[in-house]
PDB file of N, CA and C in Angstrom:
ATOM      1  N   MET A   1     -26.323 -14.729 -46.079  1.00  0.00           N
ATOM      2  CA  MET A   1     -27.121 -13.851 -45.260  1.00  0.00           C
ATOM      3  C   MET A   1     -27.161 -13.993 -43.965  1.00  0.00           C
ATOM      4  N   ASP A   2     -27.467 -13.148 -43.178  1.00  0.00           N
ATOM      5  CA  ASP A   2     -27.471 -13.008 -41.439  1.00  0.00           C
ATOM      6  C   ASP A   2     -28.751 -13.000 -41.195  1.00  0.00           C
ATOM      7  N   GLU A   3     -29.212 -13.847 -40.683  1.00  0.00           N
ATOM      8  CA  GLU A   3     -30.968 -13.922 -40.340  1.00  0.00           C
ATOM      9  C   GLU A   3     -31.154 -13.871 -38.587  1.00  0.00           C
ATOM     10  N   ARG A   4     -31.776 -12.400 -38.453  1.00  0.00           N
ATOM     11  CA  ARG A   4     -31.777 -12.187 -37.061  1.00  0.00           C
ATOM     12  C   ARG A   4     -33.101 -13.142 -36.414  1.00  0.00           C
ATOM     13  N   PRO A   5     -32.813 -13.001 -34.976  1.00  0.00           N
ATOM     14  CA  PRO A   5     -34.055 -13.988 -34.444  1.00  0.00           C
ATOM     15  C   PRO A   5     -35.127 -12.902 -34.439  1.00  0.00           C
ATOM     16  N   LEU A   6     -36.534 -13.168 -34.936  1.00  0.00           N
ATOM     17  CA  LEU A   6     -37.833 -12.383 -34.648  1.00  0.00           C
ATOM     18  C   LEU A   6     -37.847 -12.131 -33.175  1.00  0.00           C
ATOM     19  N   VAL A   7     -37.866 -11.000 -32.470  1.00  0.00           N
ATOM     20  CA  VAL A   7     -37.826 -10.346 -31.106  1.00  0.00           C
ATOM     21  C   VAL A   7     -39.045  -9.689 -31.573  1.00  0.00           C
ATOM     22  N   VAL A   8     -40.198  -9.754 -30.677  1.00  0.00           N
ATOM     23  CA  VAL A   8     -40.910  -9.096 -30.651  1.00  0.00           C
ATOM     24  C   VAL A   8     -41.618  -8.530 -29.053  1.00  0.00           C
ATOM     25  N   VAL A   9     -41.805  -7.018 -29.076  1.00  0.00           N
ATOM     26  CA  VAL A   9     -42.431  -6.771 -27.861  1.00  0.00           C
ATOM     27  C   VAL A   9     -43.853  -6.670 -27.941  1.00  0.00           C
ATOM     28  N   HIS A  10     -45.070  -7.001 -27.536  1.00  0.00           N
ATOM     29  CA  HIS A  10     -46.283  -7.108 -27.374  1.00  0.00           C
ATOM     30  C   HIS A  10     -46.446  -5.854 -26.822  1.00  0.00           C
ATOM     31  N   PRO A  11     -48.093  -5.828 -27.169  1.00  0.00           N
ATOM     32  CA  PRO A  11     -49.023  -4.597 -26.729  1.00  0.00           C
ATOM     33  C   PRO A  11     -48.746  -4.964 -25.183  1.00  0.00           C
ATOM     34  N   PRO A  12     -49.215  -3.609 -24.269  1.00  0.00           N
ATOM     35  CA  PRO A  12     -48.748  -3.667 -22.951  1.00  0.00           C
ATOM     36  C   PRO A  12     -50.350  -3.903 -22.576  1.00  0.00           C
ATOM     37  N   SER A  13     -50.023  -4.644 -21.245  1.00  0.00           N
ATOM     38  CA  SER A  13     -51.495  -5.769 -20.662  1.00  0.00           C
ATOM     39  C   SER A  13     -51.908  -4.799 -19.770  1.00  0.00           C
ATOM     40  N   ALA A  14     -53.183  -5.111 -19.557  1.00  0.00           N
ATOM     41  CA  ALA A  14     -53.875  -4.843 -18.576  1.00  0.00           C
ATOM     42  C   ALA A  14     -53.443  -4.539 -17.141  1.00  0.00           C
ATOM     43  N   THR A  15     -52.550  -5.490 -16.811  1.00  0.00           N
ATOM     44  CA  THR A  15     -52.017  -5.396 -15.830  1.00  0.00           C
ATOM     45  C   THR A  15     -50.698  -4.887 -15.760  1.00  0.00           C
ATOM     46  N   GLY A  16     -50.025  -4.219 -16.816  1.00  0.00           N
ATOM     47  CA  GLY A  16     -48.759  -3.890 -16.813  1.00  0.00           C
ATOM     48  C   GLY A  16     -47.690  -4.413 -17.517  1.00  0.00           C
ATOM     49  N   GLY A  17     -46.854  -3.983 -18.325  1.00  0.00           N
ATOM     50  CA  GLY A  17     -45.681  -4.555 -18.817  1.00  0.00           C
ATOM     51  C   GLY A  17     -45.930  -4.766 -20.180  1.00  0.00           C
ATOM     52  N   ARG A  18     -44.913  -5.067 -20.675  1.00  0.00           N
ATOM     53  CA  ARG A  18     -44.853  -5.609 -22.341  1.00  0.00           C
ATOM     54  C   ARG A  18     -44.573  -7.505 -22.192  1.00  0.00           C
ATOM     55  N   ARG A  19     -44.874  -8.537 -22.667  1.00  0.00           N
ATOM     56  CA  ARG A  19     -44.540  -9.605 -22.861  1.00  0.00           C
ATOM     57  C   ARG A  19     -43.502  -9.354 -24.349  1.00  0.00           C
ATOM     58  N   VAL A  20     -42.419 -10.025 -23.914  1.00  0.00           N
ATOM     59  CA  VAL A  20     -41.026 -10.068 -25.170  1.00  0.00           C
ATOM     60  C   VAL A  20     -40.879 -11.897 -25.251  1.00  0.00           C
ATOM     61  N   THR A  21     -40.605 -11.904 -26.282  1.00  0.00           N
ATOM     62  CA  THR A  21     -40.599 -13.229 -27.438  1.00  0.00           C
ATOM     63  C   THR A  21     -39.414 -13.405 -28.517  1.00  0.00           C
ATOM     64  N   VAL A  22     -38.860 -13.869 -28.390  1.00  0.00           N
ATOM     65  CA  VAL A  22     -37.883 -14.470 -29.261  1.00  0.00           C
ATOM     66  C   VAL A  22     -38.011 -15.347 -29.844  1.00  0.00           C
ATOM     67  N   ASP A  23     -38.287 -15.282 -31.482  1.00  0.00           N
ATOM     68  CA  ASP A  23     -38.895 -16.358 -32.086  1.00  0.00           C
ATOM     69  C   ASP A  23     -40.213 -17.499 -31.533  1.00  0.00           C
ATOM     70  N   ALA A  24     -41.327 -16.663 -30.854  1.00  0.00           N
ATOM     71  CA  ALA A  24     -42.051 -17.275 -30.366  1.00  0.00           C
ATOM     72  C   ALA A  24     -41.804 -17.706 -29.049  1.00  0.00           C
ATOM     73  N   GLU A  25     -40.783 -17.906 -28.489  1.00  0.00           N
ATOM     74  CA  GLU A  25     -40.197 -18.288 -27.541  1.00  0.00           C
ATOM     75  C   GLU A  25     -40.778 -17.178 -25.969  1.00  0.00           C
ATOM     76  N   PRO A  26     -41.431 -16.995 -25.266  1.00  0.00           N
ATOM     77  CA  PRO A  26     -41.372 -16.160 -24.209  1.00  0.00           C
ATOM     78  C   PRO A  26     -39.864 -16.219 -23.437  1.00  0.00           C
ATOM     79  N   LEU A  27     -39.986 -14.577 -23.539  1.00  0.00           N
ATOM     80  CA  LEU A  27     -38.496 -14.280 -22.286  1.00  0.00           C
ATOM     81  C   LEU A  27     -38.614 -13.537 -21.425  1.00  0.00           C
ATOM     82  N   GLY A  28     -40.023 -13.036 -20.778  1.00  0.00           N
ATOM     83  CA  GLY A  28     -40.425 -12.545 -20.240  1.00  0.00           C
ATOM     84  C   GLY A  28     -41.553 -11.337 -20.085  1.00  0.00           C
ATOM     85  N   THR A  29     -41.735 -10.695 -19.147  1.00  0.00           N
ATOM     86  CA  THR A  29     -42.497  -9.200 -18.910  1.00  0.00           C
ATOM     87  C   THR A  29     -41.643  -8.043 -18.913  1.00  0.00           C
ATOM     88  N   ALA A  30     -41.780  -7.092 -19.895  1.00  0.00           N
ATOM     89  CA  ALA A  30     -40.754  -5.952 -19.290  1.00  0.00           C
ATOM     90  C   ALA A  30     -41.751  -4.848 -18.965  1.00  0.00           C
ATOM     91  N   TYR A  31     -40.861  -4.103 -17.794  1.00  0.00           N
ATOM     92  CA  TYR A  31     -41.672  -2.951 -18.022  1.00  0.00           C
ATOM     93  C   TYR A  31     -40.895  -1.399 -18.157  1.00  0.00           C
ATOM     94  N   GLU A  32     -40.145  -1.587 -18.862  1.00  0.00           N
ATOM     95  CA  GLU A  32     -39.416  -0.697 -19.270  1.00  0.00           C
ATOM     96  C   GLU A  32     -38.283  -0.619 -20.430  1.00  0.00           C
ATOM     97  N   PRO A  33     -37.302  -0.021 -20.993  1.00  0.00           N
ATOM     98  CA  PRO A  33     -36.978  -0.219 -21.900  1.00  0.00           C
ATOM     99  C   PRO A  33     -35.542  -0.892 -21.775  1.00  0.00           C
ATOM    100  N   GLY A  34     -35.239  -0.695 -20.493  1.00  0.00           N
ATOM    101  CA  GLY A  34     -33.698  -1.577 -19.686  1.00  0.00           C
ATOM    102  C   GLY A  34     -34.205  -3.436 -19.504  1.00  0.00           C
ATOM    103  N   ASP A  35     -35.449  -3.511 -19.659  1.00  0.00           N
ATOM    104  CA  ASP A  35     -35.833  -5.296 -19.432  1.00  0.00           C
ATOM    105  C   ASP A  35     -36.002  -5.562 -20.805  1.00  0.00           C
ATOM    106  N   VAL A  36     -36.565  -4.495 -21.877  1.00  0.00           N
ATOM    107  CA  VAL A  36     -35.800  -5.274 -22.956  1.00  0.00           C
ATOM    108  C   VAL A  36     -34.420  -5.627 -23.285  1.00  0.00           C
ATOM    109  N   VAL A  37     -33.933  -4.860 -23.050  1.00  0.00           N
ATOM    110  CA  VAL A  37     -32.264  -5.280 -23.018  1.00  0.00           C
ATOM    111  C   VAL A  37     -31.787  -6.209 -22.487  1.00  0.00           C
ATOM    112  N   ASP A  38     -32.318  -6.446 -21.402  1.00  0.00           N
ATOM    113  CA  ASP A  38     -31.979  -7.519 -20.323  1.00  0.00           C
ATOM    114  C   ASP A  38     -32.026  -8.837 -21.220  1.00  0.00           C
ATOM    115  N   PHE A  39     -33.679  -8.952 -21.293  1.00  0.00           N
ATOM    116  CA  PHE A  39     -34.040 -10.388 -21.940  1.00  0.00           C
ATOM    117  C   PHE A  39     -33.336 -10.474 -23.368  1.00  0.00           C
ATOM    118  N   LEU A  40     -32.979  -9.384 -24.138  1.00  0.00           N
ATOM    119  CA  LEU A  40     -32.063  -9.904 -25.531  1.00  0.00           C
ATOM    120  C   LEU A  40     -30.421 -10.411 -24.932  1.00  0.00           C
ATOM    121  N   SER A  41     -30.103  -9.711 -23.932  1.00  0.00           N
ATOM    122  CA  SER A  41     -28.563 -10.304 -23.755  1.00  0.00           C
ATOM    123  C   SER A  41     -28.701 -11.577 -22.776  1.00  0.00           C
ATOM    124  N   ARG A  42     -29.632 -11.517 -21.981  1.00  0.00           N
ATOM    125  CA  ARG A  42     -30.004 -13.262 -21.948  1.00  0.00           C
ATOM    126  C   ARG A  42     -30.362 -14.199 -23.199  1.00  0.00           C
ATOM    127  N   ALA A  43     -30.371 -13.564 -24.166  1.00  0.00           N
ATOM    128  CA  ALA A  43     -31.305 -14.727 -24.624  1.00  0.00           C
ATOM    129  C   ALA A  43     -29.807 -15.002 -26.038  1.00  0.00           C
ATOM    130  N   GLY A  44     -29.024 -14.161 -25.684  1.00  0.00           N
ATOM    131  CA  GLY A  44     -27.437 -14.381 -26.374  1.00  0.00           C
ATOM    132  C   GLY A  44     -27.719 -13.253 -27.280  1.00  0.00           C
ATOM    133  N   ILE A  45     -28.611 -12.506 -27.336  1.00  0.00           N
ATOM    134  CA  ILE A  45     -28.508 -11.258 -28.698  1.00  0.00           C
ATOM    135  C   ILE A  45     -27.576 -10.042 -27.826  1.00  0.00           C
ATOM    136  N   ASP A  46     -26.574  -9.494 -29.232  1.00  0.00           N
ATOM    137  CA  ASP A  46     -25.831  -8.487 -28.453  1.00  0.00           C
ATOM    138  C   ASP A  46     -26.814  -7.531 -28.404  1.00  0.00           C
ATOM    139  N   PRO A  47     -27.101  -6.492 -27.361  1.00  0.00           N
ATOM    140  CA  PRO A  47     -27.993  -5.368 -26.863  1.00  0.00           C
ATOM    141  C   PRO A  47     -27.579  -4.276 -27.730  1.00  0.00           C
ATOM    142  N   ASP A  48     -26.261  -4.362 -27.944  1.00  0.00           N
ATOM    143  CA  ASP A  48     -25.453  -3.258 -28.487  1.00  0.00           C
ATOM    144  C   ASP A  48     -25.503  -2.919 -30.037  1.00  0.00           C
ATOM    145  N   ALA A  49     -26.030  -4.251 -30.594  1.00  0.00           N
ATOM    146  CA  ALA A  49     -26.300  -4.098 -31.882  1.00  0.00           C
ATOM    147  C   ALA A  49     -27.761  -4.151 -32.015  1.00  0.00           C
ATOM    148  N   VAL A  50     -28.974  -3.839 -31.297  1.00  0.00           N
ATOM    149  CA  VAL A  50     -30.360  -3.860 -31.736  1.00  0.00           C
ATOM    150  C   VAL A  50     -30.528  -2.582 -31.403  1.00  0.00           C
ATOM    151  N   TRP A  51     -30.588  -1.755 -31.969  1.00  0.00           N
ATOM    152  CA  TRP A  51     -31.406  -0.241 -32.025  1.00  0.00           C
ATOM    153  C   TRP A  51     -32.785  -0.204 -31.961  1.00  0.00           C
ATOM    154  N   PHE A  52     -33.886   0.202 -30.850  1.00  0.00           N
ATOM    155  CA  PHE A  52     -35.048   0.029 -30.813  1.00  0.00           C
ATOM    156  C   PHE A  52     -35.938   0.435 -32.013  1.00  0.00           C
ATOM    157  N   ASP A  53     -35.421   1.581 -32.406  1.00  0.00           N
ATOM    158  CA  ASP A  53     -36.245   1.950 -33.611  1.00  0.00           C
ATOM    159  C   ASP A  53     -35.589   1.803 -35.218  1.00  0.00           C
ATOM    160  N   ASP A  54     -35.043   0.216 -34.747  1.00  0.00           N
ATOM    161  CA  ASP A  54     -34.878  -0.488 -36.521  1.00  0.00           C
ATOM    162  C   ASP A  54     -35.972  -2.028 -36.397  1.00  0.00           C
ATOM    163  N   PRO A  55     -37.008  -1.456 -37.157  1.00  0.00           N
ATOM    164  CA  PRO A  55     -37.890  -2.800 -37.152  1.00  0.00           C
ATOM    165  C   PRO A  55     -37.126  -4.118 -37.642  1.00  0.00           C
ATOM    166  N   THR A  56     -36.451  -4.096 -38.397  1.00  0.00           N
ATOM    167  CA  THR A  56     -35.603  -5.240 -39.186  1.00  0.00           C
ATOM    168  C   THR A  56     -35.251  -6.275 -37.135  1.00  0.00           C
ATOM    169  N   ALA A  57     -35.104  -5.242 -36.501  1.00  0.00           N
ATOM    170  CA  ALA A  57     -34.562  -5.910 -34.762  1.00  0.00           C
ATOM    171  C   ALA A  57     -35.337  -6.079 -34.024  1.00  0.00           C
ATOM    172  N   LEU A  58     -36.306  -5.454 -33.912  1.00  0.00           N
ATOM    173  CA  LEU A  58     -37.583  -5.407 -32.901  1.00  0.00           C
ATOM    174  C   LEU A  58     -38.637  -4.932 -33.535  1.00  0.00           C
ATOM    175  N   GLU A  59     -39.918  -5.861 -33.253  1.00  0.00           N
ATOM    176  CA  GLU A  59     -41.422  -5.798 -33.604  1.00  0.00           C
ATOM    177  C   GLU A  59     -41.995  -5.388 -32.560  1.00  0.00           C
ATOM    178  N   TRP A  60     -42.542  -4.085 -32.435  1.00  0.00           N
ATOM    179  CA  TRP A  60     -43.235  -3.796 -31.742  1.00  0.00           C
ATOM    180  C   TRP A  60     -44.568  -3.341 -31.826  1.00  0.00           C
ATOM    181  N   ARG A  61     -45.543  -4.126 -31.015  1.00  0.00           N
ATOM    182  CA  ARG A  61     -46.737  -4.216 -31.196  1.00  0.00           C
ATOM    183  C   ARG A  61     -47.534  -3.244 -30.216  1.00  0.00           C
ATOM    184  N   GLY A  62     -48.246  -2.613 -30.698  1.00  0.00           N
ATOM    185  CA  GLY A  62     -49.142  -1.780 -29.766  1.00  0.00           C
ATOM    186  C   GLY A  62     -48.490  -0.506 -29.399  1.00  0.00           C
ATOM    187  N   GLY A  63     -47.526  -0.259 -29.795  1.00  0.00           N
ATOM    188  CA  GLY A  63     -46.805   1.225 -29.748  1.00  0.00           C
ATOM    189  C   GLY A  63     -45.515   0.692 -29.155  1.00  0.00           C
ATOM    190  N   GLY A  64     -44.762   2.266 -29.410  1.00  0.00           N
ATOM    191  CA  GLY A  64     -43.322   2.063 -29.615  1.00  0.00           C
ATOM    192  C   GLY A  64     -42.644   1.615 -27.826  1.00  0.00           C
ATOM    193  N   PRO A  65     -41.122   2.180 -28.191  1.00  0.00           N
ATOM    194  CA  PRO A  65     -40.793   1.843 -26.940  1.00  0.00           C
ATOM    195  C   PRO A  65     -40.959   2.603 -25.678  1.00  0.00           C
ATOM    196  N   ASP A  66     -41.494   3.965 -26.521  1.00  0.00           N
ATOM    197  CA  ASP A  66     -42.253   4.873 -25.209  1.00  0.00           C
ATOM    198  C   ASP A  66     -43.347   4.393 -24.267  1.00  0.00           C
ATOM    199  N   VAL A  67     -44.165   3.282 -24.818  1.00  0.00           N
ATOM    200  CA  VAL A  67     -45.192   3.148 -24.540  1.00  0.00           C
ATOM    201  C   VAL A  67     -45.190   1.838 -23.422  1.00  0.00           C
ATOM    202  N   TRP A  68     -45.751   1.923 -22.621  1.00  0.00           N
ATOM    203  CA  TRP A  68     -45.750   0.806 -21.667  1.00  0.00           C
ATOM    204  C   TRP A  68     -46.660   0.320 -20.966  1.00  0.00           C
ATOM    205  N   THR A  69     -47.676   1.626 -20.624  1.00  0.00           N
ATOM    206  CA  THR A  69     -49.341   1.292 -20.231  1.00  0.00           C
ATOM    207  C   THR A  69     -50.675   1.250 -21.136  1.00  0.00           C
ATOM    208  N   LEU A  70     -51.452   0.840 -20.978  1.00  0.00           N
ATOM    209  CA  LEU A  70     -52.768   0.885 -21.804  1.00  0.00           C
ATOM    210  C   LEU A  70     -53.249   2.504 -21.777  1.00  0.00           C
TER     211      LEU A  70
END
């Protein structure tokens, strides 16, 4: 069984952006979907293999990929 790392896009912050973590390790703050793709790539995860609407690939907290502000 191929176990994927747990990628979490946290709720939007009051100051803007959403924290992104992989297996609880912070990758940075994303301000748009492209930032999430960049973070995944830098973490060694093939972004072409990750669909934003796949709950087994990404856990969106506080709204999906269309929510970036409170």
